[in-house]
Protein backbone atom coordinates (compact mmCIF):
# COMPACT_ATOMS: atom_id res chain seq x y z
CA MET A 1 0.16 0.22 -0.42
CA TRP A 2 2.48 2.75 1.23
CA ALA A 3 4.84 1.64 -2.17
CA GLN A 4 1.65 2.67 -4.25
CA VAL A 5 1.44 6.07 -2.32
CA LYS A 6 4.93 6.79 -2.85
CA SER A 7 3.96 5.52 -6.58
CA LEU A 8 1.30 8.39 -6.89
CA CYS A 9 3.17 10.96 -5.25
CA ASN A 10 6.45 10.56 -7.70
CA ARG A 11 4.49 10.15 -10.69
CA TYR A 12 2.24 13.42 -9.38
CA LYS A 13 5.86 15.45 -8.25
CA ARG A 14 6.83 15.04 -12.55
CA ASN A 15 3.07 15.66 -14.21
CA GLU A 16 4.46 19.33 -14.59
CA ALA A 17 0.97 19.61 -16.87
CA GLY A 18 -1.61 22.05 -15.14
CA GLN A 19 0.30 23.18 -12.99
CA PHE A 20 -0.19 27.15 -13.91
CA ALA A 21 -3.47 26.98 -13.72
CA LEU A 22 -3.35 24.89 -10.06
CA ILE A 23 -0.79 28.21 -8.86
CA THR A 24 -2.82 30.49 -10.28
CA ALA A 25 -5.99 29.09 -7.64
CA PHE A 26 -4.71 29.80 -4.88
CA LEU A 27 -3.14 32.86 -5.48
CA GLY A 28 -5.92 34.25 -7.45
CA LEU A 29 -8.29 35.37 -4.68
CA PRO A 30 -5.99 36.29 -2.51
CA LEU A 31 -4.78 38.54 -5.23
CA VAL A 32 -8.15 40.01 -6.08
CA ILE A 33 -8.10 40.16 -1.57
CA VAL A 34 -5.38 42.53 -1.37
CA CYS A 35 -5.66 44.25 -4.10
CA GLY A 36 -9.55 44.86 -2.92
CA PHE A 37 -8.15 46.57 0.14
CA ALA A 38 -5.48 48.39 -2.11
CA VAL A 39 -8.83 49.81 -2.96
CA ASP A 40 -10.44 50.58 -0.18
CA ILE A 41 -7.57 52.17 1.60
CA ASN A 42 -6.32 54.64 -0.76
CA ARG A 43 -10.60 55.66 -1.15
CA VAL A 44 -9.91 55.51 2.61
CA VAL A 45 -6.97 58.00 3.05
CA SER A 46 -8.57 61.19 0.09
CA LYS A 47 -10.99 60.91 1.97
CA LYS A 48 -9.26 61.64 4.82
CA VAL A 49 -6.95 64.39 2.85
CA ASP A 50 -10.83 66.40 1.93
CA ILE A 51 -11.96 66.15 5.65
CA SER A 52 -7.86 67.89 7.13
CA SER A 53 -7.89 70.41 5.16
CA ALA A 54 -11.31 71.65 5.37
CA LEU A 55 -10.72 71.17 9.04
CA ASP A 56 -7.66 72.83 8.43
CA ALA A 57 -9.12 75.59 6.99
CA ALA A 58 -11.92 76.28 9.49
CA ALA A 59 -9.21 76.04 12.65
CA LEU A 60 -7.63 78.75 10.98
CA ALA A 61 -10.10 80.90 10.29
CA SER A 62 -12.17 81.11 13.15
CA VAL A 63 -9.18 82.53 15.37
CA ILE A 64 -8.57 84.97 12.78
CA PRO A 65 -11.79 86.95 13.64
CA ALA A 66 -11.45 88.78 17.27
CA ASN A 67 -13.92 90.01 18.09
CA LEU A 68 -16.52 86.94 17.89
CA THR A 69 -17.60 84.73 21.00
CA VAL A 70 -16.53 81.66 21.47
CA ALA A 71 -20.67 80.36 19.94
CA GLU A 72 -20.23 82.55 17.08
CA ARG A 73 -16.73 81.08 17.16
CA GLU A 74 -17.95 77.82 16.78
CA SER A 75 -20.33 78.24 14.12
CA PHE A 76 -18.14 80.02 11.82
CA ALA A 77 -15.74 77.32 12.10
CA ARG A 78 -19.15 75.50 10.98
CA LYS A 79 -19.89 77.23 8.46
CA VAL A 80 -15.90 77.70 7.25
CA PHE A 81 -15.41 73.49 7.21
CA ALA A 82 -18.69 73.16 4.80
CA GLU A 83 -17.88 75.48 2.38
CA ASN A 84 -14.65 73.46 2.55
CA TYR A 85 -15.26 70.67 2.87
CA PHE A 86 -16.90 68.19 -0.82
CA GLY A 87 -16.99 65.42 0.53
CA ASP A 88 -19.89 62.90 0.65
CA VAL A 89 -19.05 61.40 3.70
CA PRO A 90 -20.81 62.74 6.34
CA VAL A 91 -18.12 64.25 9.01
CA GLU A 92 -18.68 65.28 13.30
CA LEU A 93 -17.46 68.28 14.37
CA GLU A 94 -16.54 69.21 17.85
CA ILE A 95 -14.96 72.76 18.61
CA ASP A 96 -13.55 74.04 21.15
CA ALA A 97 -13.10 77.29 20.48
CA SER A 98 -11.05 80.07 22.95
CA ARG A 99 -9.72 83.78 21.55
CA THR A 100 -6.77 81.95 21.12
CA LEU A 101 -7.17 78.42 20.12
CA VAL A 102 -9.83 76.62 18.03
CA LYS A 103 -9.35 72.99 18.67
CA ILE A 104 -11.92 70.90 15.50
CA VAL A 105 -11.73 67.19 15.59
CA GLY A 106 -13.61 65.29 12.70
CA THR A 107 -15.01 62.10 13.17
CA SER A 108 -16.73 60.44 10.59
CA ALA A 109 -16.73 56.69 8.90
CA VAL A 110 -15.72 55.61 5.21
CA PRO A 111 -17.96 52.50 3.82
CA THR A 112 -15.57 50.09 2.52
CA THR A 113 -15.66 47.63 -0.42
CA PHE A 114 -13.37 44.35 0.30
CA GLY A 115 -13.45 45.42 3.85
CA GLY A 116 -16.66 44.64 4.11
CA ILE A 117 -17.56 41.74 2.31
CA ILE A 118 -13.85 40.69 3.84
CA GLY A 119 -15.00 41.79 7.74
């Protein structure tokens, strides 16, 4: 019995027909998944850059006017953010404003295609 198994294994090792198809079958799905994650990461980074640019503009613009109260400064920061953000993902803003410092934190969730499929 072991001789037959050994003979079968030796024949399998020597047979070169269909190796490309076998390798493609084993590597195809992981390659598609990796490419999908690369597309998802690219999309997330792009959205992050858009949000970050709008947050920077809002923080800088709301510090400059000296005659605004804290509430007006926060409202002005939200207005400037809305004017500078052209994305389609909703962003939740947390604004901590004073006369000399405006800190804005934006929180958002970007849906991913392949990340949602894989989990």
